[in-house]
Amino acid sequence: MQKLLAFFHEYALVIGLTSYRFVNGRFQQTRITKTYVWIVNLGLLAALPYCMWEVSKFNSSISLYPRFVKTVPYVLDSINNAVILYALVLRGRRDKILLEMDRLITQVNREMSKSGKNTSSKLCKVLYLKICLVASRSLHNLMQCFIYGLPVEFRFKPRISCLIVTIGKNLVVASTFQYFLVFWNIARGYDFINERIDELIPQSKSKKKEISRLWDLHFKLGRTFTRINRLFGPQMLTARLNYFSYTVMNSYFGILLWNEKSTPNFFMCMWSIVFLLHTMSSFLSDYIIGLATETQSKRRDSITEENGTMSKEVS
């Protein structure tokens, strides 16, 4: 798992999402990475509006679309552009919170190591599934650029425009995965704290220090939870709007393909798979937030049922 996460952070650095590398389980920043990411970010900020316009112009010229739908590519790409720009502008604030989260993860890992606990298999499966979905969406965006995103004949300028737009779209995919990863770690921390405190309740007097550490960690996770929601909230709202527009447009497009008898079965199959993967990825992002919220409140509910016994012991 560590190798996969390290690869993701290297990829995030290449596309300009973060200026930190993930080395030996810790985030590291150098002058070279900081300068590189600034150059990439400024280049994207300058080039994206024009490139988005060029790609939208091509998409609206597709003969399959009726006249009233021809403005939809402009709307979709405008939303995409807003999400990308928001992710780029808030990179610095996002990096600070990720560093804070990294310190909390280190504390959680230390406590888990002391108690001999491992991450639950349920959370591991959710993470691996999300990694597969993120990889498939990123590859699909790249395939759109080089296979059917633009005319078959090679023309340098349109291809470069589409490539820059693809980098921007993949940056949003990676940013959403960062959001998912943070909440996955929060859910993982809460899951461990809940399980460990349940084990310590019968021997609360002799384990007073450990219980105090766990409650302090619980409080820090909750504070970070709130800060991350404030930072990522507007971005996730626009991402949901983007997903809604994507769903409406592609559902219509799918109906057109289904009614067109000359459409190859392979093309319909690929369209269905891509649509399903996009939907599953969006669902998992919502699912992990719900899971983190559930595990956060679970501990409070159980303490209330125990009539405050643990609160007295810790204090």
Protein backbone atom coordinates (compact mmCIF):
# COMPACT_ATOMS: atom_id res chain seq x y z
CA MET A 1 0.00 0.00 0.00
CA GLN A 2 2.83 2.41 0.86
CA LYS A 3 4.34 1.97 -2.61
CA LEU A 4 1.01 2.77 -4.28
CA LEU A 5 0.56 5.91 -2.17
CA ALA A 6 4.16 6.97 -2.85
CA PHE A 7 3.55 6.55 -6.59
CA PHE A 8 0.37 8.63 -6.36
CA HIS A 9 2.17 11.48 -4.59
CA GLU A 10 4.94 11.43 -7.21
CA TYR A 11 2.25 11.59 -9.89
CA ALA A 12 0.52 14.46 -8.04
CA LEU A 13 3.85 16.30 -8.00
CA VAL A 14 4.35 15.83 -11.76
CA ILE A 15 0.94 17.30 -12.68
CA GLY A 16 1.36 20.20 -10.23
CA LEU A 17 -1.12 19.22 -7.52
CA THR A 18 1.41 19.39 -4.67
CA SER A 19 5.01 20.44 -4.15
CA TYR A 20 5.69 17.66 -1.64
CA ARG A 21 7.21 14.27 -2.32
CA PHE A 22 6.34 11.19 -0.29
CA VAL A 23 9.67 9.67 0.84
CA ASN A 24 9.91 6.84 3.39
CA GLY A 25 6.40 7.52 4.60
CA ARG A 26 6.93 11.27 5.13
CA PHE A 27 6.26 14.39 3.05
CA GLN A 28 9.33 16.32 1.86
CA GLN A 29 9.61 19.59 -0.05
CA THR A 30 12.66 20.99 -1.84
CA ARG A 31 13.35 24.21 -3.73
CA ILE A 32 13.37 22.25 -6.98
CA THR A 33 9.93 20.72 -6.41
CA LYS A 34 8.51 24.05 -5.20
CA THR A 35 9.82 25.92 -8.27
CA TYR A 36 8.69 23.16 -10.64
CA VAL A 37 5.13 23.14 -9.30
CA TRP A 38 4.89 26.96 -9.48
CA ILE A 39 5.89 26.83 -13.14
CA VAL A 40 3.35 24.08 -13.90
CA ASN A 41 0.57 25.89 -12.01
CA LEU A 42 1.20 29.22 -13.70
CA GLY A 43 1.36 27.50 -17.10
CA LEU A 44 -1.98 25.78 -16.51
CA LEU A 45 -3.61 28.96 -15.22
CA ALA A 46 -2.50 30.82 -18.35
CA ALA A 47 -3.27 28.12 -20.93
CA LEU A 48 -6.42 26.40 -19.62
CA PRO A 49 -9.08 28.97 -20.60
CA TYR A 50 -7.94 29.05 -24.24
CA CYS A 51 -7.43 25.27 -24.43
CA MET A 52 -10.83 24.62 -22.86
CA TRP A 53 -12.43 26.92 -25.44
CA GLU A 54 -10.73 25.08 -28.34
CA VAL A 55 -11.79 21.64 -27.07
CA SER A 56 -15.35 22.84 -26.38
CA LYS A 57 -15.54 24.27 -29.89
CA PHE A 58 -14.65 20.88 -31.36
CA ASN A 59 -17.04 18.97 -29.09
CA SER A 60 -19.95 21.26 -29.99
CA SER A 61 -19.33 20.61 -33.69
CA ILE A 62 -20.05 16.86 -33.38
CA SER A 63 -22.97 16.04 -35.68
CA LEU A 64 -24.61 13.70 -33.17
CA TYR A 65 -25.64 16.64 -30.99
CA PRO A 66 -28.85 18.51 -31.81
CA ARG A 67 -28.74 22.30 -31.92
CA PHE A 68 -29.94 22.92 -28.36
CA VAL A 69 -27.24 20.57 -26.96
CA LYS A 70 -24.34 22.25 -28.72
CA THR A 71 -23.85 24.69 -25.83
CA VAL A 72 -23.49 21.86 -23.29
CA PRO A 73 -19.75 21.24 -23.94
CA TYR A 74 -19.10 24.91 -23.15
CA VAL A 75 -21.05 24.60 -19.89
CA LEU A 76 -19.31 21.36 -18.88
CA ASP A 77 -15.85 22.68 -19.68
CA SER A 78 -16.59 25.96 -17.86
CA ILE A 79 -17.43 23.96 -14.72
CA ASN A 80 -14.31 21.85 -15.22
CA ASN A 81 -12.24 25.01 -15.60
CA ALA A 82 -13.66 26.45 -12.36
CA VAL A 83 -12.87 23.25 -10.43
CA ILE A 84 -9.32 23.10 -11.83
CA LEU A 85 -8.60 26.77 -11.07
CA TYR A 86 -9.95 26.37 -7.53
CA ALA A 87 -7.69 23.35 -6.96
CA LEU A 88 -4.66 25.26 -8.25
CA VAL A 89 -5.28 28.48 -6.31
CA LEU A 90 -5.72 26.66 -2.97
CA ARG A 91 -2.70 24.39 -3.38
CA GLY A 92 -0.74 26.09 -0.58
CA ARG A 93 -3.55 25.84 1.99
CA ARG A 94 -4.25 22.27 0.94
CA ASP A 95 -0.58 21.31 1.41
CA LYS A 96 -0.57 22.74 4.95
CA ILE A 97 -3.59 20.68 5.95
CA LEU A 98 -2.10 17.57 4.34
CA LEU A 99 1.08 18.08 6.39
CA GLU A 100 -1.01 18.41 9.54
CA MET A 101 -2.87 15.25 8.57
CA ASP A 102 0.46 13.49 7.98
CA ARG A 103 1.51 14.23 11.57
CA LEU A 104 -1.80 12.83 12.85
CA ILE A 105 -1.39 9.72 10.70
CA THR A 106 2.06 9.22 12.23
CA GLN A 107 0.52 9.38 15.73
CA VAL A 108 -2.21 6.93 14.73
CA ASN A 109 0.36 4.54 13.26
CA ARG A 110 2.45 4.78 16.43
CA GLU A 111 -0.53 3.94 18.65
CA MET A 112 -1.58 1.10 16.36
CA SER A 113 1.95 -0.31 16.45
CA LYS A 114 2.04 -0.19 20.26
CA SER A 115 -1.26 -2.03 20.57
CA GLY A 116 -0.55 -4.46 17.71
CA LYS A 117 -3.56 -3.37 15.65
CA ASN A 118 -3.87 -3.34 11.85
CA THR A 119 -6.11 -1.45 9.46
CA SER A 120 -9.46 -3.18 9.02
CA SER A 121 -9.90 -5.27 5.89
CA LYS A 122 -13.04 -3.28 5.01
CA LEU A 123 -11.11 -0.01 4.82
CA CYS A 124 -8.30 -1.64 2.85
CA LYS A 125 -10.74 -2.96 0.25
CA VAL A 126 -12.38 0.46 -0.09
CA LEU A 127 -8.97 2.10 -0.61
CA TYR A 128 -7.81 -0.42 -3.23
CA LEU A 129 -11.10 -0.06 -5.11
CA LYS A 130 -10.77 3.73 -5.10
CA ILE A 131 -7.18 3.51 -6.37
CA CYS A 132 -8.34 1.32 -9.28
CA LEU A 133 -11.13 3.76 -10.12
CA VAL A 134 -8.80 6.78 -10.01
CA ALA A 135 -6.28 5.02 -12.26
CA SER A 136 -8.99 4.01 -14.75
CA ARG A 137 -10.45 7.56 -14.90
CA SER A 138 -7.04 9.11 -15.44
CA LEU A 139 -6.23 6.63 -18.22
CA HIS A 140 -9.61 7.22 -19.81
CA ASN A 141 -8.99 10.98 -19.90
CA LEU A 142 -5.63 10.33 -21.55
CA MET A 143 -7.22 7.96 -24.08
CA GLN A 144 -9.79 10.61 -24.96
CA CYS A 145 -6.96 12.97 -25.77
CA PHE A 146 -5.03 10.68 -28.09
CA ILE A 147 -7.71 8.38 -29.54
CA TYR A 148 -11.14 9.94 -30.00
CA GLY A 149 -10.96 13.34 -28.29
CA LEU A 150 -9.97 15.13 -31.50
CA PRO A 151 -9.95 14.53 -35.28
CA VAL A 152 -8.03 11.49 -36.48
CA GLU A 153 -5.45 13.43 -38.47
CA PHE A 154 -2.59 14.69 -36.37
CA ARG A 155 -2.53 18.44 -35.85
CA PHE A 156 -0.09 19.79 -33.30
CA LYS A 157 -2.09 22.71 -31.90
CA PRO A 158 -5.38 20.84 -31.17
CA ARG A 159 -3.49 17.91 -29.66
CA ILE A 160 -1.56 20.18 -27.31
CA SER A 161 -4.79 21.92 -26.29
CA CYS A 162 -6.44 18.58 -25.55
CA LEU A 163 -3.37 17.36 -23.63
CA ILE A 164 -3.38 20.46 -21.39
CA VAL A 165 -7.11 20.01 -20.73
CA THR A 166 -6.44 16.34 -19.91
CA ILE A 167 -3.75 17.32 -17.40
CA GLY A 168 -6.25 19.71 -15.81
CA LYS A 169 -8.96 17.02 -15.62
CA ASN A 170 -6.53 14.50 -14.12
CA LEU A 171 -5.47 17.13 -11.61
CA VAL A 172 -9.09 17.32 -10.43
CA VAL A 173 -9.29 13.52 -10.25
CA ALA A 174 -6.09 13.43 -8.17
CA SER A 175 -7.33 16.29 -5.95
CA THR A 176 -10.57 14.40 -5.27
CA PHE A 177 -8.52 11.32 -4.40
CA GLN A 178 -6.49 13.42 -1.94
CA TYR A 179 -9.78 14.43 -0.36
CA PHE A 180 -10.84 10.79 -0.22
CA LEU A 181 -7.46 9.73 1.21
CA VAL A 182 -7.62 12.26 4.03
CA PHE A 183 -11.08 11.10 5.09
CA TRP A 184 -10.02 7.47 4.70
CA ASN A 185 -7.21 8.09 7.20
CA ILE A 186 -9.61 9.91 9.54
CA ALA A 187 -12.04 6.96 9.39
CA ARG A 188 -9.10 4.59 9.96
CA GLY A 189 -7.99 6.60 13.01
CA TYR A 190 -11.46 6.71 14.51
CA ASP A 191 -11.97 3.00 13.85
CA PHE A 192 -8.78 2.17 15.74
CA ILE A 193 -9.55 4.57 18.63
CA ASN A 194 -13.06 3.15 19.06
CA GLU A 195 -11.83 -0.43 19.08
CA ARG A 196 -8.93 0.28 21.41
CA ILE A 197 -10.98 2.24 23.97
CA ASP A 198 -13.54 -0.58 24.05
CA GLU A 199 -10.69 -2.90 25.02
CA LEU A 200 -9.39 -0.49 27.69
CA ILE A 201 -12.72 0.20 29.42
CA PRO A 202 -12.48 -2.82 31.81
CA GLN A 203 -8.97 -1.73 32.89
CA SER A 204 -9.45 2.05 32.65
CA LYS A 205 -7.65 2.84 35.95
CA SER A 206 -4.39 1.16 34.92
CA LYS A 207 -4.53 2.51 31.33
CA LYS A 208 -5.37 6.10 32.18
CA LYS A 209 -2.45 7.62 30.21
CA GLU A 210 -3.18 5.64 27.05
CA ILE A 211 -6.87 6.53 27.22
CA SER A 212 -5.94 10.19 27.59
CA ARG A 213 -3.67 9.98 24.52
CA LEU A 214 -6.41 8.34 22.50
CA TRP A 215 -8.98 10.99 23.43
CA ASP A 216 -6.50 13.73 22.55
CA LEU A 217 -5.96 12.08 19.17
CA HIS A 218 -9.73 11.79 18.73
CA PHE A 219 -10.08 15.54 19.35
CA LYS A 220 -7.28 16.40 16.86
CA LEU A 221 -8.86 14.21 14.18
CA GLY A 222 -12.19 15.97 14.69
CA ARG A 223 -10.60 19.42 14.41
CA THR A 224 -8.83 18.43 11.19
CA PHE A 225 -12.09 16.92 9.90
CA THR A 226 -13.80 20.32 10.27
CA ARG A 227 -10.94 22.28 8.65
CA ILE A 228 -10.80 19.94 5.66
CA ASN A 229 -14.55 20.23 5.10
CA ARG A 230 -14.24 24.02 5.02
CA LEU A 231 -11.35 23.93 2.56
CA PHE A 232 -12.60 21.22 0.20
CA GLY A 233 -16.30 22.04 0.52
CA PRO A 234 -16.60 24.50 -2.42
CA GLN A 235 -14.43 22.27 -4.62
CA MET A 236 -16.54 19.19 -3.88
CA LEU A 237 -19.72 21.20 -4.50
CA THR A 238 -18.51 22.18 -7.97
CA ALA A 239 -17.31 18.60 -8.51
CA ARG A 240 -20.83 17.34 -7.75
CA LEU A 241 -22.28 19.91 -10.14
CA ASN A 242 -19.81 18.67 -12.72
CA TYR A 243 -20.83 15.06 -12.06
CA PHE A 244 -24.52 15.97 -12.40
CA SER A 245 -23.90 17.69 -15.74
CA TYR A 246 -21.73 14.78 -16.86
CA THR A 247 -24.47 12.30 -15.93
CA VAL A 248 -27.21 14.19 -17.77
CA MET A 249 -25.11 14.70 -20.91
CA ASN A 250 -23.75 11.17 -21.08
CA SER A 251 -27.15 9.62 -20.38
CA TYR A 252 -28.50 11.52 -23.37
CA PHE A 253 -25.49 10.52 -25.42
CA GLY A 254 -25.99 6.88 -24.39
CA ILE A 255 -29.62 6.98 -25.54
CA LEU A 256 -28.48 8.31 -28.91
CA LEU A 257 -25.95 5.51 -29.26
CA TRP A 258 -28.48 2.89 -28.18
CA ASN A 259 -30.99 4.03 -30.82
CA GLU A 260 -28.33 4.22 -33.51
CA LYS A 261 -28.27 0.74 -35.07
CA SER A 262 -24.86 1.25 -36.62
CA THR A 263 -23.15 1.81 -33.25
CA PRO A 264 -20.65 -1.03 -32.58
CA ASN A 265 -21.36 -3.17 -29.51
CA PHE A 266 -17.79 -2.66 -28.33
CA PHE A 267 -18.28 1.10 -28.26
CA MET A 268 -21.51 0.76 -26.26
CA CYS A 269 -19.76 -1.59 -23.84
CA MET A 270 -16.87 0.83 -23.32
CA TRP A 271 -19.25 3.76 -22.82
CA SER A 272 -21.20 1.79 -20.17
CA ILE A 273 -18.02 0.80 -18.32
CA VAL A 274 -16.68 4.36 -18.24
CA PHE A 275 -20.02 5.71 -17.04
CA LEU A 276 -20.19 3.04 -14.31
CA LEU A 277 -16.62 3.71 -13.13
CA HIS A 278 -17.31 7.44 -12.92
CA THR A 279 -20.45 6.81 -10.85
CA MET A 280 -18.70 4.36 -8.51
CA SER A 281 -15.84 6.80 -7.94
CA SER A 282 -18.27 9.57 -6.98
CA PHE A 283 -20.17 7.19 -4.70
CA LEU A 284 -16.99 6.11 -2.84
CA SER A 285 -16.08 9.74 -2.11
CA ASP A 286 -19.48 10.24 -0.45
CA TYR A 287 -19.27 6.84 1.26
CA ILE A 288 -15.93 7.51 3.00
CA ILE A 289 -17.19 10.87 4.33
CA GLY A 290 -20.23 9.12 5.76
CA LEU A 291 -18.04 6.39 7.26
CA ALA A 292 -15.72 8.96 8.89
CA THR A 293 -18.72 10.81 10.34
CA GLU A 294 -20.23 7.56 11.62
CA THR A 295 -17.01 6.38 13.33
CA GLN A 296 -16.53 9.84 14.86
CA SER A 297 -19.98 9.88 16.51
CA LYS A 298 -19.89 6.20 17.47
CA ARG A 299 -17.41 6.73 20.27
CA ARG A 300 -19.42 9.64 21.73
CA ASP A 301 -22.64 7.60 21.67
CA SER A 302 -21.04 4.67 23.47
CA ILE A 303 -19.57 6.94 26.15
CA THR A 304 -22.99 8.49 26.74
CA GLU A 305 -24.43 5.02 27.23
CA GLU A 306 -21.73 4.26 29.80
CA ASN A 307 -23.00 7.23 31.92
CA GLY A 308 -19.82 9.21 31.63
CA THR A 309 -17.62 6.64 33.39
CA MET A 310 -14.75 7.01 30.93
CA SER A 311 -14.86 10.81 31.05
CA LYS A 312 -14.33 10.74 34.80
CA GLU A 313 -11.44 8.30 34.52
CA VAL A 314 -9.64 10.35 31.87
CA SER A 315 -10.04 13.61 33.81
